[in-house]
Amino acid sequence: MRKIKSIGMALVVAIATLPVSPVMAQSGHGSAPHGGKMIDVDNYHIEMVKGNNMLTFYVLDANAKTLNKPATGSVEFAFENGTKSNSNLKADKNGALQVALPKNAIHTNCTVTIKVDGKKLTGKFKNEVSAAEKAHGHQH
């Protein structure tokens, strides 16, 4: 009987913690408007879109609409061997900030810092790398 109660309590605790898990928290803001990955930072969202040889970042408001305000920023790339490199973001005409992907190595994650509307927003994105890209030694 004690074993059944213990299992029952463990199940109740597991179910009670589900709504606050990070996966559940991320799904509340819907899909990213530019087809990228979106993270929450304060009352904003940062969306990262990976393209050919380039990462594009968008600052979005609480309703996931692109902010049309001047922004600046930088990206820190972290690599598998423990090294890091920094690159400045360049604004494009559509309100996005862009940076070239590192040419000689594959990064494990990148931390973006964006200054917009008097606020400093920082977010971290994990890099999803295919087996072919790993074998090739870099991403396009």
N, C-alpha and C. Protein backbone atom coordinates (compact mmCIF):
# COMPACT_ATOMS: atom_id res chain seq x y z
N MET A 1 0.81 -1.19 0.00
CA MET A 1 0.00 0.00 0.00
C MET A 1 0.86 1.26 0.00
N ARG A 2 1.97 1.25 0.78
CA ARG A 2 2.86 2.40 0.82
C ARG A 2 3.48 2.66 -0.55
N LYS A 3 3.81 1.57 -1.22
CA LYS A 3 4.43 1.71 -2.54
C LYS A 3 3.46 2.38 -3.52
N ILE A 4 2.21 2.02 -3.47
CA ILE A 4 1.19 2.61 -4.35
C ILE A 4 1.03 4.09 -4.03
N LYS A 5 1.00 4.44 -2.73
CA LYS A 5 0.89 5.85 -2.35
C LYS A 5 2.10 6.64 -2.83
N SER A 6 3.30 6.05 -2.70
CA SER A 6 4.52 6.73 -3.15
C SER A 6 4.51 6.98 -4.65
N ILE A 7 4.09 5.98 -5.40
CA ILE A 7 4.00 6.13 -6.85
C ILE A 7 2.96 7.18 -7.21
N GLY A 8 1.82 7.13 -6.51
CA GLY A 8 0.76 8.11 -6.76
C GLY A 8 1.23 9.53 -6.47
N MET A 9 1.94 9.74 -5.37
CA MET A 9 2.45 11.07 -5.03
C MET A 9 3.48 11.54 -6.06
N ALA A 10 4.35 10.65 -6.50
CA ALA A 10 5.34 11.00 -7.51
C ALA A 10 4.66 11.44 -8.80
N LEU A 11 3.60 10.75 -9.17
CA LEU A 11 2.85 11.09 -10.38
C LEU A 11 2.19 12.46 -10.24
N VAL A 12 1.61 12.73 -9.08
CA VAL A 12 0.97 14.03 -8.84
C VAL A 12 2.00 15.15 -8.93
N VAL A 13 3.17 14.96 -8.32
CA VAL A 13 4.22 15.97 -8.37
C VAL A 13 4.69 16.18 -9.80
N ALA A 14 4.88 15.11 -10.55
CA ALA A 14 5.32 15.22 -11.94
C ALA A 14 4.31 15.99 -12.78
N ILE A 15 3.05 15.69 -12.63
CA ILE A 15 2.01 16.38 -13.40
C ILE A 15 1.90 17.83 -12.98
N ALA A 16 2.04 18.10 -11.70
CA ALA A 16 1.92 19.48 -11.20
C ALA A 16 3.03 20.37 -11.72
N THR A 17 4.20 19.82 -12.01
CA THR A 17 5.32 20.64 -12.49
C THR A 17 5.33 20.82 -14.00
N LEU A 18 4.51 20.11 -14.74
CA LEU A 18 4.50 20.23 -16.20
C LEU A 18 4.23 21.64 -16.70
N PRO A 19 3.25 22.37 -16.22
CA PRO A 19 2.97 23.68 -16.78
C PRO A 19 4.10 24.69 -16.66
N VAL A 20 5.06 24.47 -15.78
CA VAL A 20 6.16 25.42 -15.63
C VAL A 20 7.44 24.94 -16.29
N SER A 21 7.39 23.87 -17.03
CA SER A 21 8.60 23.40 -17.69
C SER A 21 8.96 24.35 -18.82
N PRO A 22 10.27 24.49 -19.15
CA PRO A 22 10.69 25.41 -20.21
C PRO A 22 10.04 25.13 -21.56
N VAL A 23 9.81 23.87 -21.89
CA VAL A 23 9.21 23.55 -23.17
C VAL A 23 7.81 24.14 -23.26
N MET A 24 7.05 23.99 -22.21
CA MET A 24 5.69 24.53 -22.19
C MET A 24 5.72 26.05 -22.24
N ALA A 25 6.64 26.66 -21.54
CA ALA A 25 6.70 28.12 -21.50
C ALA A 25 7.02 28.69 -22.88
N GLN A 26 7.83 28.00 -23.66
CA GLN A 26 8.22 28.50 -24.97
C GLN A 26 7.08 28.43 -25.99
N SER A 27 6.15 27.51 -25.80
CA SER A 27 5.12 27.31 -26.82
C SER A 27 4.02 28.35 -26.76
N GLY A 28 4.00 29.21 -25.76
CA GLY A 28 2.91 30.15 -25.58
C GLY A 28 2.89 31.30 -26.55
N HIS A 29 4.01 31.64 -27.19
CA HIS A 29 4.03 32.82 -28.04
C HIS A 29 3.80 32.53 -29.50
N GLY A 30 3.47 31.33 -29.87
CA GLY A 30 3.18 31.01 -31.26
C GLY A 30 4.44 30.85 -32.09
N SER A 31 4.25 30.80 -33.40
CA SER A 31 5.39 30.58 -34.28
C SER A 31 6.09 31.89 -34.60
N ALA A 32 7.35 31.77 -34.95
CA ALA A 32 8.16 32.93 -35.28
C ALA A 32 7.72 33.47 -36.65
N PRO A 33 7.52 34.79 -36.78
CA PRO A 33 6.98 35.35 -38.01
C PRO A 33 7.89 35.24 -39.24
N HIS A 34 9.20 35.06 -39.03
CA HIS A 34 10.13 34.95 -40.16
C HIS A 34 10.63 33.52 -40.36
N GLY A 35 10.03 32.56 -39.64
CA GLY A 35 10.38 31.16 -39.81
C GLY A 35 11.59 30.70 -39.04
N GLY A 36 12.07 31.49 -38.09
CA GLY A 36 13.25 31.13 -37.32
C GLY A 36 12.91 30.60 -35.94
N LYS A 37 13.91 30.64 -35.05
CA LYS A 37 13.74 30.27 -33.65
C LYS A 37 13.49 31.54 -32.86
N MET A 38 12.56 31.49 -31.91
CA MET A 38 12.22 32.68 -31.15
C MET A 38 12.39 32.41 -29.65
N ILE A 39 13.02 33.37 -28.96
CA ILE A 39 13.16 33.29 -27.51
C ILE A 39 12.58 34.54 -26.88
N ASP A 40 12.17 34.43 -25.62
CA ASP A 40 11.61 35.55 -24.87
C ASP A 40 12.73 36.25 -24.11
N VAL A 41 12.76 37.57 -24.18
CA VAL A 41 13.70 38.38 -23.42
C VAL A 41 12.93 39.59 -22.90
N ASP A 42 12.74 39.65 -21.60
CA ASP A 42 11.93 40.70 -20.97
C ASP A 42 10.56 40.75 -21.63
N ASN A 43 10.14 41.91 -22.12
CA ASN A 43 8.84 42.04 -22.79
C ASN A 43 8.98 41.97 -24.30
N TYR A 44 10.08 41.43 -24.76
CA TYR A 44 10.37 41.32 -26.19
C TYR A 44 10.60 39.86 -26.56
N HIS A 45 10.74 39.62 -27.85
CA HIS A 45 11.19 38.34 -28.39
C HIS A 45 12.36 38.65 -29.31
N ILE A 46 13.31 37.73 -29.37
CA ILE A 46 14.36 37.80 -30.38
C ILE A 46 14.19 36.56 -31.25
N GLU A 47 14.12 36.79 -32.55
CA GLU A 47 14.01 35.68 -33.50
C GLU A 47 15.32 35.58 -34.27
N MET A 48 15.83 34.34 -34.40
CA MET A 48 17.04 34.09 -35.18
C MET A 48 16.67 33.22 -36.37
N VAL A 49 17.07 33.68 -37.56
CA VAL A 49 16.83 32.94 -38.79
C VAL A 49 18.19 32.59 -39.39
N LYS A 50 18.42 31.29 -39.63
CA LYS A 50 19.68 30.85 -40.22
C LYS A 50 19.50 30.74 -41.72
N GLY A 51 20.35 31.45 -42.47
CA GLY A 51 20.34 31.39 -43.93
C GLY A 51 21.70 30.96 -44.44
N ASN A 52 21.89 31.07 -45.73
CA ASN A 52 23.19 30.72 -46.33
C ASN A 52 24.27 31.64 -45.81
N ASN A 53 25.21 31.08 -45.05
CA ASN A 53 26.37 31.80 -44.53
C ASN A 53 26.02 32.97 -43.63
N MET A 54 24.78 33.07 -43.13
CA MET A 54 24.36 34.25 -42.40
C MET A 54 23.33 33.91 -41.33
N LEU A 55 23.39 34.66 -40.23
CA LEU A 55 22.32 34.64 -39.23
C LEU A 55 21.65 35.99 -39.26
N THR A 56 20.33 35.99 -39.21
CA THR A 56 19.55 37.23 -39.18
C THR A 56 18.73 37.24 -37.90
N PHE A 57 18.79 38.35 -37.18
CA PHE A 57 18.06 38.51 -35.92
C PHE A 57 17.01 39.60 -36.07
N TYR A 58 15.84 39.34 -35.51
CA TYR A 58 14.75 40.31 -35.48
C TYR A 58 14.36 40.54 -34.03
N VAL A 59 14.16 41.81 -33.66
CA VAL A 59 13.60 42.12 -32.34
C VAL A 59 12.10 42.29 -32.54
N LEU A 60 11.34 41.55 -31.75
CA LEU A 60 9.88 41.54 -31.88
C LEU A 60 9.26 42.06 -30.58
N ASP A 61 8.11 42.68 -30.70
CA ASP A 61 7.40 43.15 -29.51
C ASP A 61 6.69 41.98 -28.83
N ALA A 62 5.92 42.27 -27.79
CA ALA A 62 5.23 41.23 -27.03
C ALA A 62 4.23 40.44 -27.88
N ASN A 63 3.76 41.04 -28.98
CA ASN A 63 2.82 40.38 -29.89
C ASN A 63 3.50 39.75 -31.09
N ALA A 64 4.83 39.62 -31.02
CA ALA A 64 5.65 39.02 -32.08
C ALA A 64 5.62 39.81 -33.38
N LYS A 65 5.48 41.12 -33.28
CA LYS A 65 5.56 42.01 -34.45
C LYS A 65 6.95 42.64 -34.48
N THR A 66 7.56 42.71 -35.65
CA THR A 66 8.90 43.27 -35.79
C THR A 66 8.92 44.73 -35.37
N LEU A 67 9.88 45.08 -34.50
CA LEU A 67 10.05 46.47 -34.10
C LEU A 67 10.71 47.24 -35.23
N ASN A 68 10.20 48.40 -35.53
CA ASN A 68 10.81 49.24 -36.56
C ASN A 68 11.54 50.39 -35.89
N LYS A 69 12.49 50.04 -35.02
CA LYS A 69 13.29 51.02 -34.30
C LYS A 69 14.75 50.69 -34.53
N PRO A 70 15.60 51.71 -34.54
CA PRO A 70 17.04 51.45 -34.74
C PRO A 70 17.59 50.53 -33.64
N ALA A 71 18.42 49.60 -34.04
CA ALA A 71 19.02 48.66 -33.09
C ALA A 71 20.47 48.40 -33.48
N THR A 72 21.27 48.09 -32.48
CA THR A 72 22.66 47.70 -32.69
C THR A 72 22.91 46.46 -31.84
N GLY A 73 24.02 45.79 -32.11
CA GLY A 73 24.30 44.63 -31.28
C GLY A 73 25.51 43.85 -31.72
N SER A 74 25.73 42.75 -31.02
CA SER A 74 26.85 41.87 -31.31
C SER A 74 26.45 40.43 -30.99
N VAL A 75 27.26 39.51 -31.50
CA VAL A 75 27.05 38.07 -31.27
C VAL A 75 28.35 37.47 -30.79
N GLU A 76 28.26 36.63 -29.76
CA GLU A 76 29.42 35.86 -29.32
C GLU A 76 29.16 34.41 -29.71
N PHE A 77 30.04 33.87 -30.56
CA PHE A 77 29.95 32.47 -30.98
C PHE A 77 30.82 31.63 -30.05
N ALA A 78 30.29 30.52 -29.55
CA ALA A 78 31.05 29.57 -28.73
C ALA A 78 31.24 28.30 -29.55
N PHE A 79 32.47 27.78 -29.54
CA PHE A 79 32.82 26.62 -30.35
C PHE A 79 33.06 25.39 -29.48
N GLU A 80 33.02 24.21 -30.11
CA GLU A 80 33.18 22.94 -29.40
C GLU A 80 34.50 22.85 -28.65
N ASN A 81 35.55 23.48 -29.16
CA ASN A 81 36.87 23.40 -28.52
C ASN A 81 37.03 24.38 -27.36
N GLY A 82 35.96 25.10 -27.01
CA GLY A 82 36.00 26.02 -25.87
C GLY A 82 36.35 27.45 -26.22
N THR A 83 36.71 27.71 -27.48
CA THR A 83 37.04 29.08 -27.87
C THR A 83 35.77 29.86 -28.20
N LYS A 84 35.93 31.18 -28.25
CA LYS A 84 34.81 32.07 -28.57
C LYS A 84 35.28 33.15 -29.53
N SER A 85 34.34 33.69 -30.28
CA SER A 85 34.64 34.84 -31.14
C SER A 85 33.44 35.79 -31.11
N ASN A 86 33.72 37.06 -31.31
CA ASN A 86 32.68 38.09 -31.29
C ASN A 86 32.58 38.75 -32.66
N SER A 87 31.36 39.09 -33.04
CA SER A 87 31.11 39.79 -34.30
C SER A 87 30.02 40.82 -34.07
N ASN A 88 30.15 41.97 -34.72
CA ASN A 88 29.11 43.00 -34.64
C ASN A 88 27.99 42.68 -35.61
N LEU A 89 26.77 43.01 -35.21
CA LEU A 89 25.61 42.87 -36.08
C LEU A 89 25.51 44.08 -36.99
N LYS A 90 25.05 43.84 -38.21
CA LYS A 90 24.85 44.93 -39.18
C LYS A 90 23.37 45.03 -39.50
N ALA A 91 22.85 46.25 -39.43
CA ALA A 91 21.42 46.48 -39.71
C ALA A 91 21.16 46.40 -41.20
N ASP A 92 20.03 45.82 -41.58
CA ASP A 92 19.61 45.85 -42.97
C ASP A 92 18.41 46.79 -43.10
N LYS A 93 17.92 46.97 -44.31
CA LYS A 93 16.85 47.95 -44.55
C LYS A 93 15.48 47.49 -44.04
N ASN A 94 15.35 46.21 -43.65
CA ASN A 94 14.07 45.68 -43.19
C ASN A 94 13.95 45.61 -41.67
N GLY A 95 14.86 46.25 -40.96
CA GLY A 95 14.81 46.24 -39.51
C GLY A 95 15.46 45.03 -38.87
N ALA A 96 16.16 44.24 -39.65
CA ALA A 96 16.84 43.06 -39.13
C ALA A 96 18.31 43.38 -38.85
N LEU A 97 18.93 42.54 -38.05
CA LEU A 97 20.36 42.63 -37.77
C LEU A 97 21.00 41.34 -38.24
N GLN A 98 22.12 41.46 -38.98
CA GLN A 98 22.73 40.28 -39.58
C GLN A 98 24.19 40.14 -39.21
N VAL A 99 24.65 38.88 -39.26
CA VAL A 99 26.05 38.57 -39.02
C VAL A 99 26.40 37.33 -39.86
N ALA A 100 27.63 37.30 -40.37
CA ALA A 100 28.09 36.14 -41.13
C ALA A 100 28.38 34.98 -40.19
N LEU A 101 28.08 33.77 -40.64
CA LEU A 101 28.44 32.58 -39.87
C LEU A 101 29.95 32.42 -39.88
N PRO A 102 30.54 31.91 -38.80
CA PRO A 102 31.98 31.66 -38.79
C PRO A 102 32.35 30.71 -39.93
N LYS A 103 33.45 31.02 -40.63
CA LYS A 103 33.81 30.24 -41.82
C LYS A 103 34.62 28.99 -41.53
N ASN A 104 35.41 28.99 -40.46
CA ASN A 104 36.35 27.89 -40.27
C ASN A 104 35.96 26.89 -39.19
N ALA A 105 34.81 27.07 -38.56
CA ALA A 105 34.42 26.15 -37.49
C ALA A 105 32.90 26.21 -37.30
N ILE A 106 32.39 25.21 -36.62
CA ILE A 106 30.96 25.16 -36.31
C ILE A 106 30.77 25.58 -34.86
N HIS A 107 29.91 26.55 -34.65
CA HIS A 107 29.65 27.01 -33.28
C HIS A 107 28.59 26.13 -32.62
N THR A 108 28.71 25.98 -31.30
CA THR A 108 27.73 25.19 -30.54
C THR A 108 26.54 26.05 -30.14
N ASN A 109 26.80 27.32 -29.86
CA ASN A 109 25.73 28.25 -29.54
C ASN A 109 26.20 29.67 -29.81
N CYS A 110 25.26 30.58 -29.83
CA CYS A 110 25.61 31.99 -29.96
C CYS A 110 24.78 32.79 -28.97
N THR A 111 25.41 33.79 -28.41
CA THR A 111 24.74 34.70 -27.48
C THR A 111 24.66 36.05 -28.16
N VAL A 112 23.45 36.53 -28.37
CA VAL A 112 23.23 37.80 -29.05
C VAL A 112 22.89 38.86 -28.02
N THR A 113 23.49 40.02 -28.18
CA THR A 113 23.18 41.18 -27.34
C THR A 113 22.73 42.30 -28.26
N ILE A 114 21.52 42.78 -28.04
CA ILE A 114 20.94 43.82 -28.90
C ILE A 114 20.51 44.99 -28.04
N LYS A 115 20.87 46.19 -28.49
CA LYS A 115 20.42 47.42 -27.83
C LYS A 115 19.36 48.06 -28.71
N VAL A 116 18.15 48.22 -28.14
CA VAL A 116 17.04 48.80 -28.87
C VAL A 116 16.14 49.55 -27.90
N ASP A 117 15.68 50.70 -28.30
CA ASP A 117 14.72 51.47 -27.51
C ASP A 117 15.20 51.70 -26.07
N GLY A 118 16.52 51.93 -25.92
CA GLY A 118 17.09 52.19 -24.60
C GLY A 118 17.27 50.96 -23.73
N LYS A 119 17.04 49.78 -24.27
CA LYS A 119 17.16 48.54 -23.49
C LYS A 119 18.23 47.64 -24.09
N LYS A 120 18.85 46.85 -23.22
CA LYS A 120 19.83 45.86 -23.65
C LYS A 120 19.20 44.48 -23.50
N LEU A 121 19.05 43.78 -24.61
CA LEU A 121 18.44 42.45 -24.64
C LEU A 121 19.51 41.42 -24.95
N THR A 122 19.57 40.37 -24.16
CA THR A 122 20.56 39.31 -24.38
C THR A 122 19.85 37.96 -24.40
N GLY A 123 20.16 37.17 -25.42
CA GLY A 123 19.56 35.84 -25.55
C GLY A 123 20.56 34.85 -26.10
N LYS A 124 20.36 33.58 -25.77
CA LYS A 124 21.27 32.52 -26.21
C LYS A 124 20.51 31.53 -27.09
N PHE A 125 21.12 31.19 -28.22
CA PHE A 125 20.55 30.23 -29.15
C PHE A 125 21.51 29.06 -29.32
N LYS A 126 20.98 27.85 -29.26
CA LYS A 126 21.77 26.64 -29.51
C LYS A 126 21.80 26.40 -31.01
N ASN A 127 22.96 26.01 -31.52
CA ASN A 127 23.10 25.74 -32.94
C ASN A 127 22.74 24.29 -33.23
N GLU A 128 21.85 24.09 -34.18
CA GLU A 128 21.50 22.74 -34.63
C GLU A 128 22.34 22.43 -35.86
N VAL A 129 23.17 21.40 -35.73
CA VAL A 129 24.14 21.07 -36.78
C VAL A 129 23.85 19.68 -37.32
N SER A 130 23.82 19.56 -38.65
CA SER A 130 23.60 18.25 -39.26
C SER A 130 24.90 17.45 -39.27
N ALA A 131 24.78 16.15 -39.44
CA ALA A 131 25.96 15.29 -39.52
C ALA A 131 26.82 15.66 -40.72
N ALA A 132 26.19 16.04 -41.82
CA ALA A 132 26.94 16.43 -43.02
C ALA A 132 27.76 17.70 -42.77
N GLU A 133 27.17 18.66 -42.05
CA GLU A 133 27.90 19.89 -41.74
C GLU A 133 29.07 19.61 -40.81
N LYS A 134 28.86 18.72 -39.83
CA LYS A 134 29.96 18.36 -38.93
C LYS A 134 31.10 17.70 -39.71
N ALA A 135 30.75 16.80 -40.62
CA ALA A 135 31.77 16.12 -41.42
C ALA A 135 32.50 17.10 -42.32
N HIS A 136 31.79 18.09 -42.81
CA HIS A 136 32.36 19.11 -43.70
C HIS A 136 33.23 20.10 -42.92
N GLY A 137 32.96 20.28 -41.63
CA GLY A 137 33.79 21.14 -40.79
C GLY A 137 33.30 22.56 -40.62
N HIS A 138 32.29 22.96 -41.38
CA HIS A 138 31.69 24.29 -41.20
C HIS A 138 30.30 24.31 -41.81
N GLN A 139 29.59 25.41 -41.54
CA GLN A 139 28.22 25.55 -42.04
C GLN A 139 28.15 26.58 -43.15
N HIS A 140 27.12 26.45 -43.99
CA HIS A 140 26.88 27.43 -45.06
C HIS A 140 25.61 28.16 -44.79
